[in-house]
């Protein structure tokens, strides 16, 4: 392991350069919506039409990726994410390394999930 690898391993996980990944202390506290059409706040998604139909599997996955990448507070995570849904989707989510690492360090049960076929 060279010096750069050691620094990266010791650095706090980041959602993007200069910003730490927000992680919920407990998956059970994530009680966000599980169905219907939700409207993300402009801070999380910058498009004029911010409505997302959670019944659409592809949109649901995209929604979780967006919230996990853009949320800055535990309150945002609690408002928009649902613990059991996050666990189910986890293996299929395309996330920055820092976000995935932060969540899996805090919630080791996420590491054991198998991607859906």
Protein backbone atom coordinates (compact mmCIF):
# COMPACT_ATOMS: atom_id res chain seq x y z
CA UNK A 1 0.00 0.00 0.00
CA UNK A 2 1.60 3.29 -1.03
CA UNK A 3 1.24 6.61 0.78
CA UNK A 4 -1.71 7.75 -1.37
CA UNK A 5 -3.65 4.53 -0.60
CA UNK A 6 -3.04 4.96 3.14
CA UNK A 7 -4.27 8.57 3.04
CA UNK A 8 -7.42 7.55 1.15
CA UNK A 9 -8.11 4.74 3.64
CA UNK A 10 -7.71 7.13 6.60
CA UNK A 11 -9.74 10.00 5.11
CA UNK A 12 -13.42 10.31 5.97
CA UNK A 13 -15.67 8.99 3.19
CA UNK A 14 -16.90 11.74 0.90
CA UNK A 15 -20.02 12.11 -1.19
CA UNK A 16 -18.06 14.43 -3.45
CA UNK A 17 -14.74 16.25 -3.02
CA UNK A 18 -14.82 18.40 0.09
CA UNK A 19 -18.12 17.07 1.46
CA UNK A 20 -18.52 14.14 3.82
CA UNK A 21 -21.16 11.56 3.09
CA UNK A 22 -24.24 11.83 5.32
CA UNK A 23 -25.07 8.51 6.99
CA UNK A 24 -28.03 7.60 9.19
CA UNK A 25 -27.11 6.35 12.64
CA UNK A 26 -29.73 3.59 12.44
CA UNK A 27 -31.51 2.12 9.41
CA UNK A 28 -34.69 1.84 11.49
CA UNK A 29 -34.88 5.64 11.67
CA UNK A 30 -35.29 5.85 7.88
CA UNK A 31 -39.06 6.11 7.47
CA UNK A 32 -39.40 7.90 4.16
CA UNK A 33 -42.04 7.31 1.51
CA UNK A 34 -42.52 3.87 0.00
CA UNK A 35 -44.99 4.66 -2.76
CA UNK A 36 -46.73 7.31 -4.77
CA UNK A 37 -45.23 10.32 -6.46
CA UNK A 38 -42.84 12.35 -4.34
CA UNK A 39 -41.32 15.74 -5.10
CA UNK A 40 -37.71 16.21 -4.13
CA UNK A 41 -36.68 19.64 -2.89
CA UNK A 42 -34.68 21.76 -5.29
CA UNK A 43 -31.59 21.40 -3.07
CA UNK A 44 -31.50 17.66 -3.77
CA UNK A 45 -32.54 17.73 -7.42
CA UNK A 46 -32.20 20.79 -9.61
CA UNK A 47 -34.69 20.13 -12.41
CA UNK A 48 -38.01 21.96 -12.79
CA UNK A 49 -40.00 18.69 -12.64
CA UNK A 50 -38.83 17.04 -9.42
CA UNK A 51 -41.66 14.51 -9.15
CA UNK A 52 -40.61 10.86 -8.89
CA UNK A 53 -43.02 7.93 -9.15
CA UNK A 54 -41.72 5.41 -6.62
CA UNK A 55 -43.74 2.61 -8.27
CA UNK A 56 -41.30 2.73 -11.21
CA UNK A 57 -38.34 0.51 -10.21
CA UNK A 58 -35.83 2.46 -12.28
CA UNK A 59 -36.97 5.79 -10.87
CA UNK A 60 -36.95 4.38 -7.35
CA UNK A 61 -33.33 3.28 -7.77
CA UNK A 62 -32.38 6.66 -9.24
CA UNK A 63 -34.22 8.41 -6.37
CA UNK A 64 -32.20 6.51 -3.74
CA UNK A 65 -28.92 7.18 -5.56
CA UNK A 66 -29.73 10.89 -5.72
CA UNK A 67 -30.72 11.22 -2.06
CA UNK A 68 -27.71 9.22 -0.84
CA UNK A 69 -25.36 11.32 -2.96
CA UNK A 70 -26.88 14.76 -2.29
CA UNK A 71 -28.25 14.64 1.28
CA UNK A 72 -26.26 16.63 3.80
CA UNK A 73 -28.16 15.92 7.00
CA UNK A 74 -29.66 13.00 8.86
CA UNK A 75 -33.01 14.78 8.69
CA UNK A 76 -32.93 14.65 4.88
CA UNK A 77 -32.07 10.95 4.99
CA UNK A 78 -34.92 10.23 7.45
CA UNK A 79 -37.38 12.21 5.34
CA UNK A 80 -36.62 10.60 1.97
CA UNK A 81 -35.27 7.09 2.60
CA UNK A 82 -37.00 3.96 3.92
CA UNK A 83 -34.71 1.49 5.72
CA UNK A 84 -36.05 -1.82 4.34
CA UNK A 85 -36.23 -0.37 0.82
CA UNK A 86 -32.63 0.86 1.10
CA UNK A 87 -31.45 -2.60 2.17
CA UNK A 88 -33.30 -4.21 -0.74
CA UNK A 89 -31.93 -1.76 -3.33
CA UNK A 90 -28.41 -1.44 -1.89
CA UNK A 91 -26.54 -3.95 -4.10
CA UNK A 92 -27.95 -2.37 -7.27
CA UNK A 93 -27.26 1.28 -6.39
CA UNK A 94 -24.57 3.12 -8.38
CA UNK A 95 -22.92 5.32 -5.74
CA UNK A 96 -19.67 7.21 -5.29
CA UNK A 97 -17.11 5.05 -3.48
CA UNK A 98 -17.11 7.39 -0.50
CA UNK A 99 -20.87 7.13 -0.02
CA UNK A 100 -20.87 3.33 -0.30
CA UNK A 101 -17.90 3.03 2.07
CA UNK A 102 -19.44 5.36 4.69
CA UNK A 103 -22.75 3.49 4.71
CA UNK A 104 -21.17 0.04 4.78
CA UNK A 105 -18.80 1.01 7.61
CA UNK A 106 -21.75 2.24 9.69
CA UNK A 107 -24.14 -0.55 8.61
CA UNK A 108 -22.13 -3.75 7.91
CA UNK A 109 -25.32 -5.65 7.03
CA UNK A 110 -25.40 -3.69 3.76
CA UNK A 111 -22.16 -5.38 2.65
CA UNK A 112 -23.77 -8.82 2.73
CA UNK A 113 -26.53 -7.96 0.26
CA UNK A 114 -26.46 -9.78 -3.08
CA UNK A 115 -27.33 -7.90 -6.30
CA UNK A 116 -30.67 -8.80 -7.83
CA UNK A 117 -30.56 -10.77 -11.11
